[in-house]
């Protein structure tokens, strides 16, 4: 055996040993904030977890749910370092001197709407007057959305009967506890309609959905971190955003598989065997997302900033780390 061959074997064994050590190393916990409760709307996160995009980078991705107004403070303090926060919460935090940074735009349009039961006219924000309207509470994106809708019609909260109902809008609406509710447009109207179709929504036989984005240009949801993380942990920022981006892309190109992944994280999703078999046979899409609406002439982030004349501009300036950050795919609500 020549000395050169011995050297080659030594190097080979060393590389194999290092690779094995890296694979055997325990995953590092990576907490991540999300508002609301475990829900299929967070499918991109579930896909990224189930497909191993975070684990491949050495992280045990752990979703922590809570109220958004509290989550943005926790992210600013670095525990957790990342989360999904609505854009207007970032702007309000920056205006108050809280050092959060918006990294990745998730939705094309603000994903909040008002859903009203049959028999309740809901063609414009003016129709909110006098109604019993359910909201999770006086905080977060839903409350901002309601405030914006009322303002667009020259109304105030005093013109309706707002009720804090937590995160159970389908239950309360179907039980007749409210006339309308502020919801996320990408899941709760579908859940209410599913209950109606199954005869499980009391005497409600139909709904009307009023998207906030039709009346107010509000910065939408995205991945948020804090200034220290951006400055000192760039590789971690890259890991989180690229893993989530791949999860979004996979969700858009193969929503059936994304739904199957979501079953491991969300309780009470429809999962009859026939339904699962149909999903498993659904082909992957080659055209994941093709927006049919023109790009806005004014970005929601800029529009939201201009509506905050009392905020210190120096605080708002760094609310987004890059004007063109993570533009590969904007996956949102396309009507």
Protein backbone atom coordinates (compact mmCIF):
# COMPACT_ATOMS: atom_id res chain seq x y z
CA UNK A 1 0.00 0.00 0.00
CA UNK A 2 1.52 3.27 -1.10
CA UNK A 3 1.76 6.29 1.19
CA UNK A 4 -0.50 8.23 -1.20
CA UNK A 5 -3.19 5.54 -0.95
CA UNK A 6 -2.90 5.48 2.86
CA UNK A 7 -3.36 9.26 2.91
CA UNK A 8 -6.43 8.96 0.70
CA UNK A 9 -7.97 6.39 3.06
CA UNK A 10 -7.29 8.59 6.09
CA UNK A 11 -8.98 11.57 4.42
CA UNK A 12 -11.93 9.42 3.31
CA UNK A 13 -12.52 8.00 6.79
CA UNK A 14 -12.24 11.48 8.29
CA UNK A 15 -14.87 12.87 5.90
CA UNK A 16 -17.20 9.94 6.55
CA UNK A 17 -16.74 10.39 10.28
CA UNK A 18 -17.53 14.09 10.13
CA UNK A 19 -20.61 13.42 8.00
CA UNK A 20 -21.85 10.78 10.42
CA UNK A 21 -21.27 13.11 13.37
CA UNK A 22 -23.22 15.90 11.66
CA UNK A 23 -26.12 13.56 10.90
CA UNK A 24 -26.18 12.23 14.46
CA UNK A 25 -26.05 15.67 16.07
CA UNK A 26 -29.29 16.56 17.89
CA UNK A 27 -31.49 19.14 16.24
CA UNK A 28 -31.42 22.62 17.74
CA UNK A 29 -34.81 23.88 18.95
CA UNK A 30 -36.13 26.72 16.78
CA UNK A 31 -39.29 28.26 18.30
CA UNK A 32 -41.52 30.15 15.86
CA UNK A 33 -44.52 32.32 16.72
CA UNK A 34 -47.85 32.09 14.89
CA UNK A 35 -51.09 33.76 15.88
CA UNK A 36 -54.46 32.03 16.11
CA UNK A 37 -54.46 28.27 16.73
CA UNK A 38 -53.17 25.26 14.75
CA UNK A 39 -55.02 25.60 11.45
CA UNK A 40 -54.74 24.56 7.82
CA UNK A 41 -53.96 28.17 6.87
CA UNK A 42 -50.46 27.47 8.21
CA UNK A 43 -49.96 24.63 5.72
CA UNK A 44 -46.66 26.06 4.37
CA UNK A 45 -45.17 25.69 7.86
CA UNK A 46 -46.43 22.13 8.17
CA UNK A 47 -45.10 21.26 4.73
CA UNK A 48 -41.67 22.68 5.57
CA UNK A 49 -41.63 20.61 8.76
CA UNK A 50 -42.85 17.36 7.20
CA UNK A 51 -40.58 17.65 4.16
CA UNK A 52 -37.60 18.14 6.47
CA UNK A 53 -36.54 21.60 5.26
CA UNK A 54 -35.81 22.78 8.80
CA UNK A 55 -34.41 19.45 10.00
CA UNK A 56 -32.02 19.31 7.05
CA UNK A 57 -30.56 22.57 8.30
CA UNK A 58 -30.21 21.16 11.82
CA UNK A 59 -33.29 22.66 13.48
CA UNK A 60 -36.28 21.28 15.37
CA UNK A 61 -38.95 23.76 14.23
CA UNK A 62 -41.49 24.39 17.00
CA UNK A 63 -44.63 26.47 16.36
CA UNK A 64 -45.92 28.49 19.32
CA UNK A 65 -49.41 29.99 18.99
CA UNK A 66 -50.62 33.10 20.78
CA UNK A 67 -52.06 36.58 20.47
CA UNK A 68 -50.34 38.66 17.82
CA UNK A 69 -49.87 41.80 19.90
CA UNK A 70 -47.95 39.74 22.46
CA UNK A 71 -46.06 37.76 19.83
CA UNK A 72 -44.55 40.85 18.21
CA UNK A 73 -43.11 41.90 21.60
CA UNK A 74 -41.69 38.43 22.19
CA UNK A 75 -40.02 38.43 18.77
CA UNK A 76 -38.49 41.84 19.47
CA UNK A 77 -37.04 40.38 22.67
CA UNK A 78 -35.67 37.35 20.83
CA UNK A 79 -37.85 34.65 22.35
CA UNK A 80 -38.80 33.40 19.82
CA UNK A 81 -36.59 34.96 17.18
CA UNK A 82 -39.06 34.55 14.31
CA UNK A 83 -42.79 34.51 13.69
CA UNK A 84 -45.65 35.24 11.31
CA UNK A 85 -47.02 38.70 12.05
CA UNK A 86 -49.41 40.96 10.12
CA UNK A 87 -47.70 43.93 8.51
CA UNK A 88 -49.67 46.61 10.31
CA UNK A 89 -48.57 45.18 13.66
CA UNK A 90 -44.96 45.57 12.53
CA UNK A 91 -45.56 49.20 11.61
CA UNK A 92 -47.24 49.97 14.92
CA UNK A 93 -44.40 48.26 16.76
CA UNK A 94 -41.76 50.22 14.83
CA UNK A 95 -43.64 53.45 15.51
CA UNK A 96 -43.35 52.65 19.21
CA UNK A 97 -39.61 52.02 18.91
CA UNK A 98 -39.85 48.22 19.04
CA UNK A 99 -37.02 46.81 16.85
CA UNK A 100 -38.84 44.20 14.75
CA UNK A 101 -37.99 43.64 11.08
CA UNK A 102 -40.28 42.35 8.32
CA UNK A 103 -38.45 39.73 6.21
CA UNK A 104 -40.80 37.88 3.88
CA UNK A 105 -44.16 38.80 2.37
CA UNK A 106 -46.54 35.85 2.67
CA UNK A 107 -49.89 37.13 1.35
CA UNK A 108 -50.50 39.24 -1.74
CA UNK A 109 -53.52 40.88 -0.09
CA UNK A 110 -54.53 41.50 3.50
CA UNK A 111 -56.18 38.15 4.34
CA UNK A 112 -58.94 39.36 6.68
CA UNK A 113 -62.65 39.63 5.88
CA UNK A 114 -66.05 40.04 7.47
CA UNK A 115 -68.35 37.05 7.02
CA UNK A 116 -72.08 37.61 7.54
CA UNK A 117 -74.85 35.04 7.81
CA UNK A 118 -77.80 34.85 5.44
CA UNK A 119 -80.42 37.49 6.05
CA UNK A 120 -77.78 40.09 6.91
CA UNK A 121 -76.98 42.54 4.12
CA UNK A 122 -73.21 42.86 3.69
CA UNK A 123 -72.37 44.63 0.45
CA UNK A 124 -70.15 47.38 1.87
CA UNK A 125 -68.64 48.52 5.19
CA UNK A 126 -71.70 50.77 5.75
CA UNK A 127 -73.72 47.63 6.39
CA UNK A 128 -71.77 46.97 9.60
CA UNK A 129 -73.76 49.65 11.42
CA UNK A 130 -75.94 48.22 14.16
CA UNK A 131 -74.74 44.63 13.78
CA UNK A 132 -73.39 42.25 16.39
CA UNK A 133 -69.87 41.69 15.06
CA UNK A 134 -67.54 39.09 16.54
CA UNK A 135 -63.79 39.67 16.78
CA UNK A 136 -61.11 37.63 18.56
CA UNK A 137 -60.51 40.65 20.80
CA UNK A 138 -59.44 44.31 20.68
CA UNK A 139 -56.00 43.45 19.29
CA UNK A 140 -54.15 42.12 16.27
CA UNK A 141 -54.90 42.05 12.56
CA UNK A 142 -58.64 41.35 12.95
CA UNK A 143 -59.17 44.41 15.12
CA UNK A 144 -57.10 46.55 12.76
CA UNK A 145 -59.18 45.25 9.86
CA UNK A 146 -62.45 46.11 11.56
CA UNK A 147 -61.17 49.58 12.41
CA UNK A 148 -60.08 50.14 8.81
CA UNK A 149 -63.43 48.99 7.41
CA UNK A 150 -65.34 51.26 9.75
CA UNK A 151 -63.11 54.21 8.89
CA UNK A 152 -63.65 53.64 5.17
CA UNK A 153 -67.38 54.13 5.75
CA UNK A 154 -67.05 57.01 8.19
CA UNK A 155 -68.12 54.78 11.08
CA UNK A 156 -66.61 54.05 14.48
CA UNK A 157 -66.79 51.10 16.85
CA UNK A 158 -69.65 52.86 18.63
CA UNK A 159 -71.81 52.33 15.53
CA UNK A 160 -71.93 48.55 16.01
CA UNK A 161 -71.92 45.98 18.78
CA UNK A 162 -68.45 44.43 18.79
CA UNK A 163 -68.13 41.21 20.77
CA UNK A 164 -64.87 39.51 21.75
CA UNK A 165 -65.39 35.84 20.89
CA UNK A 166 -61.86 34.45 20.73
CA UNK A 167 -60.87 32.19 17.86
CA UNK A 168 -64.18 30.36 17.45
CA UNK A 169 -65.98 32.49 14.85
CA UNK A 170 -67.57 29.49 13.04
CA UNK A 171 -69.01 28.17 16.32
CA UNK A 172 -70.43 31.53 17.41
CA UNK A 173 -71.83 32.47 14.00
CA UNK A 174 -73.51 29.08 13.56
CA UNK A 175 -74.97 29.32 17.06
CA UNK A 176 -76.49 32.72 16.29
CA UNK A 177 -74.32 34.59 18.77
CA UNK A 178 -73.32 37.24 16.20
CA UNK A 179 -74.63 38.56 12.91
CA UNK A 180 -71.16 38.74 11.38
CA UNK A 181 -67.57 38.00 12.35
CA UNK A 182 -64.11 39.20 11.42
CA UNK A 183 -62.21 36.18 10.08
CA UNK A 184 -59.23 35.12 8.02
CA UNK A 185 -60.52 34.78 4.49
CA UNK A 186 -58.39 31.75 3.62
CA UNK A 187 -59.97 29.31 6.04
CA UNK A 188 -62.92 30.34 8.22
CA UNK A 189 -65.47 31.12 5.46
CA UNK A 190 -64.68 27.69 4.02
CA UNK A 191 -65.17 26.06 7.41
CA UNK A 192 -68.52 27.83 7.92
CA UNK A 193 -69.69 26.82 4.44
CA UNK A 194 -68.61 23.23 5.11
CA UNK A 195 -70.78 23.20 8.23
CA UNK A 196 -73.70 24.70 6.32
CA UNK A 197 -73.40 22.02 3.64
CA UNK A 198 -73.36 19.34 6.34
CA UNK A 199 -76.38 20.82 8.14
CA UNK A 200 -74.21 21.64 11.16
CA UNK A 201 -74.57 25.44 11.29
CA UNK A 202 -77.86 25.96 13.09
CA UNK A 203 -80.37 27.86 10.98
CA UNK A 204 -77.65 29.50 8.87
CA UNK A 205 -78.09 28.57 5.21
CA UNK A 206 -75.58 30.87 3.52
CA UNK A 207 -72.89 33.49 4.06
CA UNK A 208 -71.58 36.66 2.47
CA UNK A 209 -67.86 37.47 2.58
CA UNK A 210 -66.63 41.08 2.54
CA UNK A 211 -62.83 41.21 1.96
CA UNK A 212 -61.06 44.02 3.80
CA UNK A 213 -58.60 44.34 0.90
CA UNK A 214 -61.42 45.68 -1.28
CA UNK A 215 -61.72 48.75 0.92
CA UNK A 216 -58.38 49.23 2.69
CA UNK A 217 -54.76 48.88 1.52
CA UNK A 218 -53.10 47.33 4.57
CA UNK A 219 -49.66 45.73 4.88
CA UNK A 220 -50.16 41.99 5.01
CA UNK A 221 -48.71 39.07 6.94
CA UNK A 222 -45.12 37.90 6.73
CA UNK A 223 -42.12 36.49 8.57
CA UNK A 224 -40.77 38.87 11.18
CA UNK A 225 -37.62 38.90 13.31
CA UNK A 226 -35.67 41.57 15.19
CA UNK A 227 -32.76 43.85 14.35
CA UNK A 228 -30.20 41.87 16.38
CA UNK A 229 -30.98 38.65 14.52
CA UNK A 230 -30.69 40.37 11.14
CA UNK A 231 -27.37 41.91 12.15
CA UNK A 232 -25.76 38.93 13.86
CA UNK A 233 -27.45 35.74 12.60
CA UNK A 234 -27.73 36.14 8.86
CA UNK A 235 -27.35 32.42 8.19
CA UNK A 236 -30.30 31.67 10.47
CA UNK A 237 -32.39 34.29 8.68
CA UNK A 238 -31.49 32.59 5.40
CA UNK A 239 -32.41 29.15 6.78
CA UNK A 240 -35.83 30.21 8.07
CA UNK A 241 -36.86 32.22 5.03
CA UNK A 242 -35.67 29.68 2.45
CA UNK A 243 -37.29 26.76 4.30
CA UNK A 244 -40.58 28.63 4.58
CA UNK A 245 -40.32 29.79 0.97
CA UNK A 246 -39.96 26.19 -0.16
CA UNK A 247 -42.93 25.26 2.01
CA UNK A 248 -45.01 27.99 0.35
CA UNK A 249 -43.91 26.85 -3.10
CA UNK A 250 -44.73 23.21 -2.33
CA UNK A 251 -48.13 24.20 -0.93
CA UNK A 252 -48.96 26.16 -4.07
CA UNK A 253 -47.82 23.44 -6.46
CA UNK A 254 -49.27 20.51 -4.54
CA UNK A 255 -52.09 21.63 -2.21
CA UNK A 256 -53.36 18.07 -1.83
CA UNK A 257 -50.05 16.91 -0.36
CA UNK A 258 -49.96 20.05 1.80
CA UNK A 259 -53.36 19.13 3.21
CA UNK A 260 -52.18 15.62 4.00
CA UNK A 261 -49.19 17.07 5.85
CA UNK A 262 -51.53 19.38 7.77
CA UNK A 263 -53.42 16.38 9.16
CA UNK A 264 -50.44 15.72 11.43
CA UNK A 265 -50.72 19.18 12.98
CA UNK A 266 -54.39 20.24 12.94
CA UNK A 267 -57.22 18.48 14.75
CA UNK A 268 -60.67 17.86 13.28
CA UNK A 269 -59.78 18.30 9.62
CA UNK A 270 -62.04 16.30 7.27
CA UNK A 271 -60.21 13.05 6.64
CA UNK A 272 -62.53 10.31 5.45
CA UNK A 273 -60.74 7.52 3.63
CA UNK A 274 -62.40 8.44 0.33
CA UNK A 275 -61.27 12.04 0.78
CA UNK A 276 -57.71 10.99 1.60
CA UNK A 277 -57.61 8.64 -1.40
CA UNK A 278 -58.79 11.45 -3.67
CA UNK A 279 -56.12 13.79 -2.33
CA UNK A 280 -53.37 11.22 -2.74
CA UNK A 281 -54.36 10.83 -6.38
CA UNK A 282 -54.30 14.56 -7.12
CA UNK A 283 -51.49 15.46 -9.57
CA UNK A 284 -48.93 18.15 -8.83
CA UNK A 285 -49.62 21.51 -10.49
CA UNK A 286 -47.08 22.91 -12.93
CA UNK A 287 -48.39 26.48 -12.51
CA UNK A 288 -48.55 27.13 -8.77
CA UNK A 289 -49.66 30.72 -8.68
CA UNK A 290 -50.64 33.08 -11.46
CA UNK A 291 -52.00 36.37 -10.10
CA UNK A 292 -54.84 37.71 -12.20
CA UNK A 293 -54.91 41.11 -10.56
CA UNK A 294 -52.55 43.97 -11.45
CA UNK A 295 -49.85 44.95 -9.00
CA UNK A 296 -50.91 47.90 -6.81
CA UNK A 297 -49.42 51.26 -7.73
CA UNK A 298 -48.72 51.87 -4.05
CA UNK A 299 -47.41 49.07 -1.89
CA UNK A 300 -49.50 48.22 1.20
CA UNK A 301 -46.46 48.82 3.38
CA UNK A 302 -45.99 52.33 1.98
CA UNK A 303 -49.71 53.04 2.17
CA UNK A 304 -49.84 51.89 5.78
CA UNK A 305 -46.87 54.08 6.65
CA UNK A 306 -48.45 57.14 5.05
CA UNK A 307 -51.52 56.62 7.22
CA UNK A 308 -49.40 56.98 10.37
CA UNK A 309 -48.41 60.68 10.37
CA UNK A 310 -47.53 60.71 14.07
CA UNK A 311 -45.00 57.89 13.84
CA UNK A 312 -41.31 58.66 13.81
CA UNK A 313 -40.08 58.03 10.27
CA UNK A 314 -36.72 56.85 11.58
CA UNK A 315 -38.50 54.02 13.38
CA UNK A 316 -40.50 52.99 10.32
CA UNK A 317 -37.59 53.14 7.89
CA UNK A 318 -36.20 49.74 8.87
CA UNK A 319 -39.51 47.94 9.20
CA UNK A 320 -38.62 45.86 6.16
CA UNK A 321 -35.12 44.55 5.61
CA UNK A 322 -35.24 44.75 1.82
CA UNK A 323 -37.69 46.32 -0.59
CA UNK A 324 -37.36 43.39 -2.96
CA UNK A 325 -36.83 40.70 -0.33
CA UNK A 326 -38.20 37.26 -1.16
CA UNK A 327 -40.18 38.05 -4.28
CA UNK A 328 -39.91 34.62 -5.91
CA UNK A 329 -43.44 33.66 -5.01
CA UNK A 330 -46.18 35.75 -3.40
CA UNK A 331 -48.81 33.21 -2.48
CA UNK A 332 -52.11 34.68 -1.37
CA UNK A 333 -55.78 35.10 -1.99
CA UNK A 334 -56.57 35.35 -5.72
CA UNK A 335 -60.18 36.19 -6.46
